[in-house]
Amino acid sequence: MKSDTFGLEIRTDIMRALWFKREKDSLTLGGLSQATPPPSGIVSEAAVDQQKMAQAIRDMVANGKIGVKKVHIALADNQVYTKVIDMPDLSEKELTSAIRWEAEQHIPAPLETITLDWKILRRQKDSKTGTSTMQVLLVAAPIGLIRRYERIITLAGFTISSVETEILSVIRSIIVGDNYPTSVIVNINNTSTTLAIVQANTLIFTYLMPLGSDALDRAIAAEFGFSLNQAEEYRKVYGVSEETFGGKLSRAMEPILMSLLSEVRRALTFYNERYKNEYPIYQIVLSGSAARLPGMGLFFVQNCGIETVVANPWTSLGIAQVPKEILESGPEYSVVVGLALKNYA
């Protein structure tokens, strides 16, 4: 059985399209392709730039031999506002009335400029007080951004089936089975890093940092006088390990890494204080373009004292017929895999 939708990931540095088909009890590749987007990317309002972007998407999908027209897309986490909020236990009708007031408290943008969406994550009752509460995922995206995506996707000849944030796609691709251990997911992309805590297969915390692999490259370039392209190559080869390149690269990247580490520690402290009587955090899961850097996993193990693993949705989901070079780059495909999985989740 083939899905009638595919996943489309669009970032400033790369875009990917992925289509799954199911054979008996397993998923196999129906089509996969990636390409570098035009310089104007998804941000330009100019008609000519949007035509170029649409053509680039159309060509990429055709190269991947993807034969369906409906698409799931993800908005970059640094383009939207995402917050897990605590509320009294309300009915759906009551929540619909209350959510705009909650949004005014948590979303730093005028409500008339955003598209607002929400989802009840879980309802719970305090065993001591008997008070019933619920956690709600609140997501807001600029109206202009949504309309721009709609125009470009339509120009490319496709229809948007759903829109979500990248971290939700990442979680879908990583969380396998009904008893996934409580984890901190660290999704490191080129311009930002998103932290998420997942407990009982449910997102309970998320936080965005405006630091990513580009910041690491800039630190290396500034220290050694490299171009950004040179810095990127050195980062990918030598990573953050103190055992490589005489430890010089890791020292150059240390301020960025310590900022990232500080936020991970804060997330751990928040969880341990807020949910101290619930499941302990079992592991840190690294995802995104910087997850495979040599020494990155060890860096978190040594500084957080928690088992750290690198996400690979291809292997954890048992996806068949994945080319070796794609398989080895698994953490970079977490978003598009999560999107392509949406019809099967």
Protein backbone atom coordinates (compact mmCIF):
# COMPACT_ATOMS: atom_id res chain seq x y z
CA MET A 1 0.00 0.00 0.00
CA LYS A 2 1.34 3.41 -0.95
CA SER A 3 0.53 6.57 1.00
CA ASP A 4 -1.21 9.29 -0.98
CA THR A 5 0.92 11.94 0.73
CA PHE A 6 4.64 12.64 1.02
CA GLY A 7 6.78 14.63 3.43
CA LEU A 8 8.48 17.86 2.35
CA GLU A 9 11.19 19.50 4.45
CA ILE A 10 12.35 22.98 3.46
CA ARG A 11 15.29 24.63 5.20
CA THR A 12 17.59 27.48 4.26
CA ASP A 13 20.41 25.09 3.37
CA ILE A 14 18.57 22.01 2.07
CA MET A 15 15.18 20.63 1.14
CA ARG A 16 14.05 17.00 1.08
CA ALA A 17 11.07 15.01 -0.16
CA LEU A 18 10.21 11.51 1.08
CA TRP A 19 7.43 9.07 0.21
CA PHE A 20 6.83 5.75 1.95
CA LYS A 21 4.98 2.65 0.90
CA ARG A 22 4.01 -0.26 3.11
CA GLU A 23 4.83 -3.83 2.16
CA LYS A 24 3.21 -6.32 4.55
CA ASP A 25 4.30 -5.16 8.01
CA SER A 26 7.21 -2.91 7.02
CA LEU A 27 7.79 0.44 5.36
CA THR A 28 9.99 0.85 2.30
CA LEU A 29 11.04 3.84 0.26
CA GLY A 30 8.55 4.89 -2.36
CA GLY A 31 10.69 7.87 -3.31
CA LEU A 32 13.40 10.09 -1.83
CA SER A 33 15.14 13.18 -3.13
CA GLN A 34 16.98 16.22 -1.82
CA ALA A 35 18.30 19.45 -3.31
CA THR A 36 19.74 22.83 -2.41
CA PRO A 37 17.03 25.51 -2.47
CA PRO A 38 17.43 28.73 -4.48
CA PRO A 39 19.22 31.53 -2.58
CA SER A 40 15.93 33.36 -1.99
CA GLY A 41 14.55 30.24 -0.31
CA ILE A 42 11.11 30.33 1.22
CA VAL A 43 11.41 33.84 2.67
CA SER A 44 11.06 36.03 -0.42
CA GLU A 45 7.74 37.70 -1.26
CA ALA A 46 8.84 38.40 -4.85
CA ALA A 47 6.78 36.49 -7.42
CA VAL A 48 9.85 35.59 -9.48
CA ASP A 49 11.59 34.11 -6.43
CA GLN A 50 8.52 32.11 -5.48
CA GLN A 51 8.34 30.73 -9.03
CA LYS A 52 11.99 29.64 -8.76
CA MET A 53 11.32 27.98 -5.42
CA ALA A 54 8.26 26.20 -6.77
CA GLN A 55 10.22 24.94 -9.77
CA ALA A 56 13.03 23.69 -7.52
CA ILE A 57 10.51 21.74 -5.42
CA ARG A 58 8.81 20.35 -8.52
CA ASP A 59 12.14 19.19 -9.98
CA MET A 60 13.25 17.62 -6.70
CA VAL A 61 10.01 15.67 -6.30
CA ALA A 62 10.19 14.49 -9.91
CA ASN A 63 13.79 13.34 -9.40
CA GLY A 64 12.64 11.30 -6.42
CA LYS A 65 9.98 9.58 -8.55
CA ILE A 66 7.31 10.64 -6.08
CA GLY A 67 3.98 10.20 -7.77
CA VAL A 68 1.52 11.78 -5.32
CA LYS A 69 0.31 15.35 -5.01
CA LYS A 70 -0.60 15.81 -1.34
CA VAL A 71 2.13 16.92 1.01
CA HIS A 72 2.84 17.24 4.73
CA ILE A 73 5.13 20.19 5.53
CA ALA A 74 6.96 21.36 8.65
CA LEU A 75 7.68 24.93 9.64
CA ALA A 76 11.14 25.55 11.06
CA ASP A 77 11.01 25.89 14.83
CA ASN A 78 12.65 29.31 14.65
CA GLN A 79 9.82 30.57 12.41
CA VAL A 80 7.01 29.78 14.85
CA TYR A 81 6.09 30.11 18.52
CA THR A 82 5.69 26.83 20.41
CA LYS A 83 4.80 26.45 24.06
CA VAL A 84 3.51 23.71 26.36
CA ILE A 85 1.15 25.37 28.83
CA ASP A 86 -0.66 24.17 31.96
CA MET A 87 -4.37 24.89 32.24
CA PRO A 88 -7.35 23.83 34.35
CA ASP A 89 -9.08 20.77 32.97
CA LEU A 90 -11.50 22.18 30.38
CA SER A 91 -13.82 20.72 27.80
CA GLU A 92 -12.99 21.22 24.13
CA LYS A 93 -15.61 23.97 23.93
CA GLU A 94 -14.28 25.74 27.01
CA LEU A 95 -10.72 25.46 25.72
CA THR A 96 -11.68 27.00 22.38
CA SER A 97 -13.00 30.03 24.26
CA ALA A 98 -10.03 30.29 26.64
CA ILE A 99 -7.15 29.60 24.26
CA ARG A 100 -6.91 33.10 22.76
CA TRP A 101 -6.52 34.61 26.22
CA GLU A 102 -3.79 32.07 26.96
CA ALA A 103 -2.12 32.90 23.65
CA GLU A 104 -2.01 36.58 24.58
CA GLN A 105 -0.04 35.63 27.70
CA HIS A 106 2.46 33.35 25.96
CA ILE A 107 2.83 34.42 22.31
CA PRO A 108 4.96 37.57 21.76
CA ALA A 109 3.05 38.68 18.66
CA PRO A 110 -0.31 40.37 17.97
CA LEU A 111 -2.97 37.67 17.58
CA GLU A 112 -4.26 39.24 14.37
CA THR A 113 -0.89 38.50 12.71
CA ILE A 114 -0.72 34.79 13.55
CA THR A 115 -2.47 31.51 12.86
CA LEU A 116 -3.14 29.76 16.15
CA ASP A 117 -3.36 26.01 16.71
CA TRP A 118 -3.45 23.87 19.84
CA LYS A 119 -3.58 20.28 20.98
CA ILE A 120 -4.41 18.72 24.35
CA LEU A 121 -1.37 16.65 25.27
CA ARG A 122 -2.64 15.03 28.44
CA ARG A 123 -5.09 15.39 31.30
CA GLN A 124 -4.04 14.60 34.86
CA LYS A 125 -5.34 14.68 38.40
CA ASP A 126 -3.28 15.51 41.48
CA SER A 127 -3.57 12.54 43.83
CA LYS A 128 -3.14 14.76 46.90
CA THR A 129 -5.37 17.74 46.09
CA GLY A 130 -7.74 16.12 43.63
CA THR A 131 -7.24 19.07 41.27
CA SER A 132 -7.61 18.22 37.58
CA THR A 133 -5.37 19.96 35.07
CA MET A 134 -4.26 19.50 31.50
CA GLN A 135 -1.25 20.31 29.36
CA VAL A 136 -1.84 21.95 26.01
CA LEU A 137 0.57 22.43 23.12
CA LEU A 138 0.16 25.95 21.77
CA VAL A 139 1.57 26.75 18.32
CA ALA A 140 1.41 30.08 16.51
CA ALA A 141 2.74 30.82 13.03
CA PRO A 142 2.81 34.15 11.18
CA ILE A 143 -0.07 34.38 8.72
CA GLY A 144 2.29 35.72 6.06
CA LEU A 145 4.55 32.66 6.41
CA ILE A 146 1.65 30.23 6.01
CA ARG A 147 0.35 32.06 2.95
CA ARG A 148 3.81 32.07 1.38
CA TYR A 149 4.10 28.31 1.82
CA GLU A 150 0.62 27.84 0.37
CA ARG A 151 1.46 29.94 -2.71
CA ILE A 152 4.75 28.17 -3.39
CA ILE A 153 3.40 24.66 -2.84
CA THR A 154 0.41 25.43 -5.10
CA LEU A 155 2.72 26.84 -7.79
CA ALA A 156 4.74 23.62 -7.56
CA GLY A 157 1.59 21.65 -8.36
CA PHE A 158 0.92 20.14 -4.93
CA THR A 159 -1.68 20.44 -2.19
CA ILE A 160 -0.83 20.90 1.48
CA SER A 161 -2.38 18.11 3.54
CA SER A 162 -1.06 19.26 6.93
CA VAL A 163 1.31 21.73 8.57
CA GLU A 164 3.23 21.19 11.81
CA THR A 165 6.46 22.29 13.48
CA GLU A 166 9.76 20.51 12.92
CA ILE A 167 10.10 19.27 16.47
CA LEU A 168 6.79 17.38 16.20
CA SER A 169 8.06 15.67 13.05
CA VAL A 170 11.33 14.81 14.80
CA ILE A 171 9.49 13.29 17.76
CA ARG A 172 7.32 11.16 15.46
CA SER A 173 10.40 9.78 13.73
CA ILE A 174 12.24 9.03 16.99
CA ILE A 175 9.56 7.71 19.34
CA VAL A 176 9.11 4.04 18.51
CA GLY A 177 6.71 1.80 20.41
CA ASP A 178 4.33 2.53 23.28
CA ASN A 179 6.92 2.52 26.07
CA TYR A 180 9.65 4.84 24.82
CA PRO A 181 11.77 5.97 27.80
CA THR A 182 11.59 9.54 29.07
CA SER A 183 14.10 11.45 26.95
CA VAL A 184 15.51 14.87 26.21
CA ILE A 185 15.64 15.37 22.45
CA VAL A 186 18.26 17.84 21.23
CA ASN A 187 17.60 18.68 17.59
CA ILE A 188 20.55 20.71 16.26
CA ASN A 189 20.10 22.35 12.88
CA ASN A 190 22.15 24.93 11.04
CA THR A 191 20.57 28.05 12.59
CA SER A 192 18.89 26.84 15.78
CA THR A 193 18.56 24.05 18.33
CA THR A 194 15.29 22.79 19.76
CA LEU A 195 15.10 20.97 23.08
CA ALA A 196 12.13 18.74 23.82
CA ILE A 197 11.31 16.46 26.73
CA VAL A 198 9.13 13.47 25.94
CA GLN A 199 7.51 11.48 28.74
CA ALA A 200 5.17 8.52 28.17
CA ASN A 201 5.40 9.23 24.42
CA THR A 202 4.05 12.75 25.01
CA LEU A 203 5.79 16.11 24.55
CA ILE A 204 5.78 17.96 27.89
CA PHE A 205 8.44 20.65 27.34
CA THR A 206 10.02 22.42 24.39
CA TYR A 207 12.50 25.28 24.10
CA LEU A 208 14.23 26.97 21.17
CA MET A 209 17.83 28.21 21.14
CA PRO A 210 19.07 30.55 18.38
CA LEU A 211 22.31 28.56 18.10
CA GLY A 212 23.13 25.81 15.64
CA SER A 213 25.93 24.36 13.55
CA ASP A 214 26.38 27.68 11.70
CA ALA A 215 27.45 29.26 15.00
CA LEU A 216 30.04 26.51 15.46
CA ASP A 217 31.37 27.20 11.97
CA ARG A 218 31.62 30.93 12.64
CA ALA A 219 33.57 30.25 15.84
CA ILE A 220 36.03 28.02 13.97
CA ALA A 221 36.37 30.50 11.11
CA ALA A 222 37.07 33.37 13.51
CA GLU A 223 39.68 31.39 15.45
CA PHE A 224 41.65 30.03 12.48
CA GLY A 225 40.94 32.52 9.71
CA PHE A 226 39.06 29.91 7.66
CA SER A 227 36.25 30.53 5.25
CA LEU A 228 32.89 29.29 6.48
CA ASN A 229 33.04 26.40 4.01
CA GLN A 230 36.47 25.40 5.33
CA ALA A 231 35.24 25.69 8.90
CA GLU A 232 32.28 23.44 8.13
CA GLU A 233 34.54 20.77 6.63
CA TYR A 234 36.88 20.83 9.63
CA ARG A 235 33.92 20.64 12.02
CA LYS A 236 32.47 17.61 10.24
CA VAL A 237 35.82 15.79 10.11
CA TYR A 238 37.20 16.56 13.57
CA GLY A 239 34.01 17.30 15.52
CA VAL A 240 34.02 18.48 19.12
CA SER A 241 36.37 15.85 20.54
CA GLU A 242 39.37 17.06 22.50
CA GLU A 243 41.28 14.07 21.13
CA THR A 244 41.27 15.33 17.53
CA PHE A 245 43.15 18.24 15.94
CA GLY A 246 44.95 18.73 19.22
CA GLY A 247 41.71 19.80 20.85
CA LYS A 248 41.99 23.18 19.09
CA LEU A 249 38.64 22.95 17.34
CA SER A 250 36.78 21.96 20.50
CA ARG A 251 38.30 24.93 22.32
CA ALA A 252 37.22 27.27 19.52
CA MET A 253 33.67 25.93 19.72
CA GLU A 254 33.58 25.79 23.51
CA PRO A 255 31.53 28.99 24.11
CA ILE A 256 28.78 27.76 21.76
CA LEU A 257 28.85 24.24 23.16
CA MET A 258 28.70 25.48 26.74
CA SER A 259 25.70 27.70 25.92
CA LEU A 260 23.96 24.66 24.47
CA LEU A 261 24.96 22.53 27.45
CA SER A 262 23.66 25.17 29.86
CA GLU A 263 20.18 25.03 28.31
CA VAL A 264 20.14 21.23 28.35
CA ARG A 265 21.06 21.29 32.04
CA ARG A 266 18.30 23.82 32.71
CA ALA A 267 15.81 21.54 30.97
CA LEU A 268 16.99 18.62 33.11
CA THR A 269 16.68 20.70 36.28
CA PHE A 270 13.19 21.85 35.28
CA TYR A 271 12.07 18.28 34.72
CA ASN A 272 13.63 16.90 37.89
CA GLU A 273 11.98 19.60 40.00
CA ARG A 274 8.60 19.57 38.27
CA TYR A 275 8.24 15.83 37.72
CA LYS A 276 10.39 14.44 40.54
CA ASN A 277 7.78 11.84 41.46
CA GLU A 278 7.38 10.61 37.91
CA TYR A 279 9.63 8.79 35.45
CA PRO A 280 13.32 9.85 35.58
CA ILE A 281 14.99 11.01 32.39
CA TYR A 282 16.64 8.00 30.82
CA GLN A 283 18.60 9.46 27.92
CA ILE A 284 19.53 12.38 25.71
CA VAL A 285 18.74 11.85 22.03
CA LEU A 286 20.72 13.88 19.48
CA SER A 287 19.14 14.69 16.14
CA GLY A 288 19.73 17.09 13.26
CA SER A 289 22.71 18.08 11.17
CA ALA A 290 25.23 18.30 14.04
CA ALA A 291 24.22 15.11 15.86
CA ARG A 292 26.85 12.95 14.14
CA LEU A 293 29.82 15.20 14.90
CA PRO A 294 32.71 13.18 16.36
CA GLY A 295 32.67 13.54 20.14
CA MET A 296 29.22 15.16 20.40
CA GLY A 297 27.62 12.24 22.22
CA LEU A 298 30.57 11.91 24.61
CA PHE A 299 30.40 15.66 25.30
CA PHE A 300 26.88 15.30 26.70
CA VAL A 301 27.63 12.08 28.57
CA GLN A 302 30.61 13.66 30.33
CA ASN A 303 28.83 16.91 31.16
CA CYS A 304 25.33 15.66 31.98
CA GLY A 305 26.01 12.17 33.25
CA ILE A 306 23.18 10.73 31.16
CA GLU A 307 23.31 8.13 28.41
CA THR A 308 23.36 9.88 25.04
CA VAL A 309 22.37 8.32 21.73
CA VAL A 310 22.23 9.56 18.15
CA ALA A 311 18.84 9.24 16.52
CA ASN A 312 18.58 7.27 13.30
CA PRO A 313 14.95 6.90 12.19
CA TRP A 314 15.90 4.62 9.29
CA THR A 315 17.22 1.92 11.62
CA SER A 316 14.86 2.42 14.57
CA LEU A 317 11.83 2.18 12.29
CA GLY A 318 13.32 -0.65 10.24
CA ILE A 319 12.90 1.18 6.92
CA ALA A 320 13.98 -1.11 4.09
CA GLN A 321 15.96 -0.31 0.92
CA VAL A 322 17.68 2.82 2.24
CA PRO A 323 20.93 3.65 0.37
CA LYS A 324 24.02 3.35 2.56
CA GLU A 325 25.01 7.04 2.42
CA ILE A 326 21.47 8.05 3.43
CA LEU A 327 21.37 5.43 6.18
CA GLU A 328 24.60 6.76 7.68
CA SER A 329 23.18 10.30 7.72
CA GLY A 330 20.08 9.20 9.62
CA PRO A 331 19.79 12.03 12.18
CA GLU A 332 19.69 14.61 9.39
CA TYR A 333 16.51 13.01 8.02
CA SER A 334 14.48 13.03 11.24
CA VAL A 335 12.16 15.84 10.10
CA VAL A 336 11.29 14.50 6.67
CA VAL A 337 10.92 10.93 7.97
CA GLY A 338 8.51 12.19 10.62
CA LEU A 339 6.48 13.99 7.97
CA ALA A 340 6.35 10.99 5.66
CA LEU A 341 5.26 8.82 8.59
CA LYS A 342 2.25 10.98 9.35
CA ASN A 343 -0.23 8.79 7.47
CA TYR A 344 1.06 5.70 9.26
CA ALA A 345 1.38 7.04 12.83
